[in-house]
C-alpha atoms as a PDB file:
ATOM      1  CA  UNK A   1      -4.615   0.684   5.414  1.00  0.00           C
ATOM      2  CA  UNK A   2      -3.373  -2.894   5.140  1.00  0.00           C
ATOM      3  CA  UNK A   3      -6.003  -5.183   3.615  1.00  0.00           C
ATOM      4  CA  UNK A   4      -5.542  -8.958   3.692  1.00  0.00           C
ATOM      5  CA  UNK A   5      -8.056 -10.971   1.689  1.00  0.00           C
ATOM      6  CA  UNK A   6      -8.228 -14.763   1.885  1.00  0.00           C
ATOM      7  CA  UNK A   7     -10.587 -16.620  -0.430  1.00  0.00           C
ATOM      8  CA  UNK A   8     -11.237 -20.314  -0.847  1.00  0.00           C
ATOM      9  CA  UNK A   9     -13.126 -22.286  -3.472  1.00  0.00           C
ATOM     10  CA  UNK A  10     -14.622 -24.909  -1.172  1.00  0.00           C
ATOM     11  CA  UNK A  11     -18.296 -25.446  -0.412  1.00  0.00           C
ATOM     12  CA  UNK A  12     -18.425 -22.108   1.417  1.00  0.00           C
ATOM     13  CA  UNK A  13     -20.561 -20.997   4.306  1.00  0.00           C
ATOM     14  CA  UNK A  14     -24.177 -20.032   4.402  1.00  0.00           C
ATOM     15  CA  UNK A  15     -24.938 -16.328   4.537  1.00  0.00           C
ATOM     16  CA  UNK A  16     -26.267 -16.623   8.100  1.00  0.00           C
ATOM     17  CA  UNK A  17     -23.197 -18.498   9.349  1.00  0.00           C
ATOM     18  CA  UNK A  18     -20.934 -15.547   8.584  1.00  0.00           C
ATOM     19  CA  UNK A  19     -23.042 -13.324  10.826  1.00  0.00           C
ATOM     20  CA  UNK A  20     -23.101 -15.661  13.831  1.00  0.00           C
ATOM     21  CA  UNK A  21     -20.836 -14.934  16.741  1.00  0.00           C
ATOM     22  CA  UNK A  22     -18.589 -17.915  17.250  1.00  0.00           C
ATOM     23  CA  UNK A  23     -15.937 -17.637  19.927  1.00  0.00           C
ATOM     24  CA  UNK A  24     -12.995 -17.433  17.525  1.00  0.00           C
ATOM     25  CA  UNK A  25     -14.378 -14.666  15.334  1.00  0.00           C
ATOM     26  CA  UNK A  26     -15.838 -12.843  18.311  1.00  0.00           C
ATOM     27  CA  UNK A  27     -12.536 -12.926  20.221  1.00  0.00           C
ATOM     28  CA  UNK A  28     -10.609 -11.789  17.143  1.00  0.00           C
ATOM     29  CA  UNK A  29     -12.962  -8.858  16.565  1.00  0.00           C
ATOM     30  CA  UNK A  30     -12.765  -7.865  20.245  1.00  0.00           C
ATOM     31  CA  UNK A  31      -8.977  -7.897  20.104  1.00  0.00           C
ATOM     32  CA  UNK A  32      -8.994  -5.754  16.956  1.00  0.00           C
ATOM     33  CA  UNK A  33     -11.216  -3.199  18.712  1.00  0.00           C
ATOM     34  CA  UNK A  34      -8.928  -3.203  21.762  1.00  0.00           C
ATOM     35  CA  UNK A  35      -5.847  -2.608  19.607  1.00  0.00           C
ATOM     36  CA  UNK A  36      -7.171  -0.324  16.866  1.00  0.00           C
ATOM     37  CA  UNK A  37     -10.644   0.903  17.842  1.00  0.00           C
ATOM     38  CA  UNK A  38     -12.961   1.246  14.893  1.00  0.00           C
ATOM     39  CA  UNK A  39     -10.059   1.588  12.428  1.00  0.00           C
ATOM     40  CA  UNK A  40      -9.749  -2.212  11.985  1.00  0.00           C
ATOM     41  CA  UNK A  41     -12.224  -4.869  10.922  1.00  0.00           C
ATOM     42  CA  UNK A  42     -12.650  -8.542  10.071  1.00  0.00           C
ATOM     43  CA  UNK A  43     -15.405  -9.548   7.666  1.00  0.00           C
ATOM     44  CA  UNK A  44     -16.235 -13.123   6.665  1.00  0.00           C
ATOM     45  CA  UNK A  45     -18.785 -13.799   3.944  1.00  0.00           C
ATOM     46  CA  UNK A  46     -19.925 -16.255   1.328  1.00  0.00           C
ATOM     47  CA  UNK A  47     -18.825 -15.521  -2.227  1.00  0.00           C
ATOM     48  CA  UNK A  48     -20.935 -15.801  -5.354  1.00  0.00           C
ATOM     49  CA  UNK A  49     -21.074 -19.418  -6.454  1.00  0.00           C
ATOM     50  CA  UNK A  50     -18.774 -21.312  -4.118  1.00  0.00           C
ATOM     51  CA  UNK A  51     -16.303 -20.421  -1.432  1.00  0.00           C
ATOM     52  CA  UNK A  52     -15.800 -18.030   1.428  1.00  0.00           C
ATOM     53  CA  UNK A  53     -13.830 -14.814   1.714  1.00  0.00           C
ATOM     54  CA  UNK A  54     -12.296 -13.281   4.839  1.00  0.00           C
ATOM     55  CA  UNK A  55     -11.127  -9.664   4.724  1.00  0.00           C
ATOM     56  CA  UNK A  56      -8.943  -8.217   7.475  1.00  0.00           C
ATOM     57  CA  UNK A  57      -8.358  -4.461   7.523  1.00  0.00           C
ATOM     58  CA  UNK A  58      -5.666  -2.925   9.732  1.00  0.00           C
ATOM     59  CA  UNK A  59      -4.610   0.709   9.908  1.00  0.00           C
ATOM     60  CA  UNK A  60      -1.126   1.408   8.620  1.00  0.00           C
ATOM     61  CA  UNK A  61       1.145   3.236  10.972  1.00  0.00           C
ATOM     62  CA  UNK A  62       4.875   3.759  10.939  1.00  0.00           C
ATOM     63  CA  UNK A  63       6.826   3.032  14.062  1.00  0.00           C
ATOM     64  CA  UNK A  64       9.826   5.155  14.965  1.00  0.00           C
ATOM     65  CA  UNK A  65      13.149   3.615  14.051  1.00  0.00           C
ATOM     66  CA  UNK A  66      14.798   1.779  16.896  1.00  0.00           C
ATOM     67  CA  UNK A  67      18.101   3.151  18.106  1.00  0.00           C
ATOM     68  CA  UNK A  68      20.787   0.541  18.715  1.00  0.00           C
ATOM     69  CA  UNK A  69      21.549   0.439  22.417  1.00  0.00           C
ATOM     70  CA  UNK A  70      24.778  -0.779  23.903  1.00  0.00           C
ATOM     71  CA  UNK A  71      24.416  -2.057  27.428  1.00  0.00           C
END
């Protein structure tokens, strides 16, 4: 599992704002479901004190090595 966590120390968001379905977050979550099913997620939440944290989880998978092709 690849986990990317981004945190800021700005004024943050309210707890309810992280749960709303804006177009950007909604579209991103829909795309994650289309690509990875329930194995991926994007969570955005307020942190204790100040700031916001976004956590993206993607399943790790190895791709087969590409064979050099001469055309």
